[in-house]
C-alpha atoms as a PDB file:
ATOM      1  CA  MET A   1      -3.158  -7.910  -2.473  1.00  0.00           C
ATOM      2  CA  ARG A   2      -4.496  -7.778  -6.021  1.00  0.00           C
ATOM      3  CA  LYS A   3      -8.079  -7.003  -4.906  1.00  0.00           C
ATOM      4  CA  PHE A   4      -6.836  -4.246  -2.566  1.00  0.00           C
ATOM      5  CA  THR A   5      -4.769  -2.703  -5.367  1.00  0.00           C
ATOM      6  CA  GLU A   6      -7.634  -2.851  -7.834  1.00  0.00           C
ATOM      7  CA  THR A   7      -9.882  -1.119  -5.294  1.00  0.00           C
ATOM      8  CA  CYS A   8      -7.249   1.595  -4.779  1.00  0.00           C
ATOM      9  CA  TYR A   9      -7.092   2.172  -8.548  1.00  0.00           C
ATOM     10  CA  LYS A  10     -10.883   2.265  -8.734  1.00  0.00           C
ATOM     11  CA  TRP A  11     -11.053   4.923  -5.994  1.00  0.00           C
ATOM     12  CA  ASN A  12      -8.106   6.855  -7.484  1.00  0.00           C
ATOM     13  CA  VAL A  13      -5.950   6.372  -4.363  1.00  0.00           C
ATOM     14  CA  THR A  14      -2.460   7.868  -4.598  1.00  0.00           C
ATOM     15  CA  TYR A  15      -1.010   7.111  -1.158  1.00  0.00           C
ATOM     16  CA  VAL A  16      -1.382   4.098   1.122  1.00  0.00           C
ATOM     17  CA  VAL A  17      -0.334   4.052   4.806  1.00  0.00           C
ATOM     18  CA  TRP A  18       0.531   0.855   6.663  1.00  0.00           C
ATOM     19  CA  ASP A  19       0.195   1.208  10.449  1.00  0.00           C
ATOM     20  CA  SER A  20       2.340  -0.892  12.826  1.00  0.00           C
ATOM     21  CA  ARG A  21      -0.210  -0.708  15.640  1.00  0.00           C
ATOM     22  CA  LEU A  22      -2.876  -2.715  13.877  1.00  0.00           C
ATOM     23  CA  GLY A  23      -0.633  -4.209  11.167  1.00  0.00           C
ATOM     24  CA  PHE A  24       1.120  -6.485  13.681  1.00  0.00           C
ATOM     25  CA  SER A  25      -2.049  -7.341  15.620  1.00  0.00           C
ATOM     26  CA  TYR A  26      -2.632 -10.749  14.068  1.00  0.00           C
ATOM     27  CA  GLN A  27      -4.856 -11.782  16.975  1.00  0.00           C
ATOM     28  CA  ASP A  28      -7.058  -8.678  16.746  1.00  0.00           C
ATOM     29  CA  ARG A  29     -10.352  -9.225  14.934  1.00  0.00           C
ATOM     30  CA  TYR A  30      -9.948  -5.837  13.199  1.00  0.00           C
ATOM     31  CA  PHE A  31      -6.771  -7.127  11.536  1.00  0.00           C
ATOM     32  CA  TRP A  32      -8.856  -9.765   9.756  1.00  0.00           C
ATOM     33  CA  MET A  33     -12.021  -7.705   9.349  1.00  0.00           C
ATOM     34  CA  ASN A  34     -10.115  -4.945   7.550  1.00  0.00           C
ATOM     35  CA  GLY A  35      -8.172  -7.361   5.324  1.00  0.00           C
ATOM     36  CA  LEU A  36      -4.754  -6.375   6.666  1.00  0.00           C
ATOM     37  CA  ASN A  37      -3.601  -9.938   6.133  1.00  0.00           C
ATOM     38  CA  ASP A  38      -3.928  -9.249   2.385  1.00  0.00           C
ATOM     39  CA  ILE A  39      -1.491  -6.316   2.466  1.00  0.00           C
ATOM     40  CA  GLN A  40       1.002  -7.664   4.986  1.00  0.00           C
ATOM     41  CA  ALA A  41       3.783  -7.169   2.414  1.00  0.00           C
ATOM     42  CA  LEU A  42       3.556  -3.442   3.137  1.00  0.00           C
ATOM     43  CA  ALA A  43       4.941  -4.149   6.625  1.00  0.00           C
ATOM     44  CA  GLU A  44       8.433  -4.019   5.088  1.00  0.00           C
ATOM     45  CA  PRO A  45       9.855  -0.563   4.236  1.00  0.00           C
ATOM     46  CA  LYS A  46      10.569  -1.339   0.614  1.00  0.00           C
ATOM     47  CA  ASN A  47       8.961  -1.117  -2.833  1.00  0.00           C
ATOM     48  CA  VAL A  48       6.358  -3.803  -3.328  1.00  0.00           C
ATOM     49  CA  GLY A  49       4.823  -4.241  -6.784  1.00  0.00           C
ATOM     50  CA  PRO A  50       3.119  -0.944  -7.700  1.00  0.00           C
ATOM     51  CA  TYR A  51       3.660   0.426  -4.172  1.00  0.00           C
ATOM     52  CA  GLU A  52       6.679   2.751  -4.018  1.00  0.00           C
ATOM     53  CA  PHE A  53       8.001   3.194  -0.481  1.00  0.00           C
ATOM     54  CA  VAL A  54       8.184   6.905   0.395  1.00  0.00           C
ATOM     55  CA  THR A  55       9.052   7.157   4.091  1.00  0.00           C
ATOM     56  CA  LYS A  56       8.652   5.767   7.570  1.00  0.00           C
ATOM     57  CA  LEU A  57       7.196   8.028  10.259  1.00  0.00           C
ATOM     58  CA  THR A  58       7.877   6.979  13.846  1.00  0.00           C
ATOM     59  CA  SER A  59       6.340   8.196  17.060  1.00  0.00           C
ATOM     60  CA  GLU A  60       9.064   8.985  19.601  1.00  0.00           C
ATOM     61  CA  TYR A  61       6.449   8.546  22.337  1.00  0.00           C
ATOM     62  CA  SER A  62       5.133   5.085  21.545  1.00  0.00           C
ATOM     63  CA  GLY A  63       7.687   3.727  19.083  1.00  0.00           C
ATOM     64  CA  ARG A  64       4.913   2.861  16.691  1.00  0.00           C
ATOM     65  CA  TYR A  65       5.264   3.822  13.088  1.00  0.00           C
ATOM     66  CA  VAL A  66       3.623   4.032   9.714  1.00  0.00           C
ATOM     67  CA  HIS A  67       5.000   3.297   6.277  1.00  0.00           C
ATOM     68  CA  LEU A  68       3.903   5.653   3.541  1.00  0.00           C
ATOM     69  CA  PHE A  69       3.665   4.268   0.001  1.00  0.00           C
ATOM     70  CA  ARG A  70       2.839   5.955  -3.295  1.00  0.00           C
ATOM     71  CA  LEU A  71       0.711   3.764  -5.527  1.00  0.00           C
ATOM     72  CA  LYS A  72       2.013   3.940  -9.066  1.00  0.00           C
ATOM     73  CA  LYS A  73      -0.661   4.331 -11.693  1.00  0.00           C
ATOM     74  CA  PRO A  74      -1.136   1.351 -14.015  1.00  0.00           C
ATOM     75  CA  GLN A  75       0.584   1.584 -17.368  1.00  0.00           C
ATOM     76  CA  THR A  76      -1.748   2.686 -20.081  1.00  0.00           C
ATOM     77  CA  ALA A  77      -1.466   1.389 -23.614  1.00  0.00           C
ATOM     78  CA  LEU A  78       0.494   3.659 -25.916  1.00  0.00           C
ATOM     79  CA  PRO A  79      -1.376   4.934 -28.974  1.00  0.00           C
ATOM     80  CA  PRO A  80      -0.385   3.291 -32.228  1.00  0.00           C
ATOM     81  CA  ALA A  81       2.536   4.846 -34.081  1.00  0.00           C
ATOM     82  CA  PRO A  82       1.624   7.038 -37.034  1.00  0.00           C
ATOM     83  CA  ALA A  83       1.781   5.382 -40.406  1.00  0.00           C
ATOM     84  CA  PRO A  84       4.961   6.264 -42.404  1.00  0.00           C
END
């Protein structure tokens, strides 16, 4: 998940969506091709590391859903305190 997170920071991504349709398709080649195995922790509707869970959106028609996460920005170093 570290590589995915670093890429999100590099591209200045603020929100990440995890999709149940493909996210639970372990046998689907797109699951592996798109690296979904690396972010499987986002399948749970809870805060995960720098990913803050925002909401779950469910389709009444299909029952499928997405989890919406806000990616917290990395902490930046504080400037040194002024000399007394």
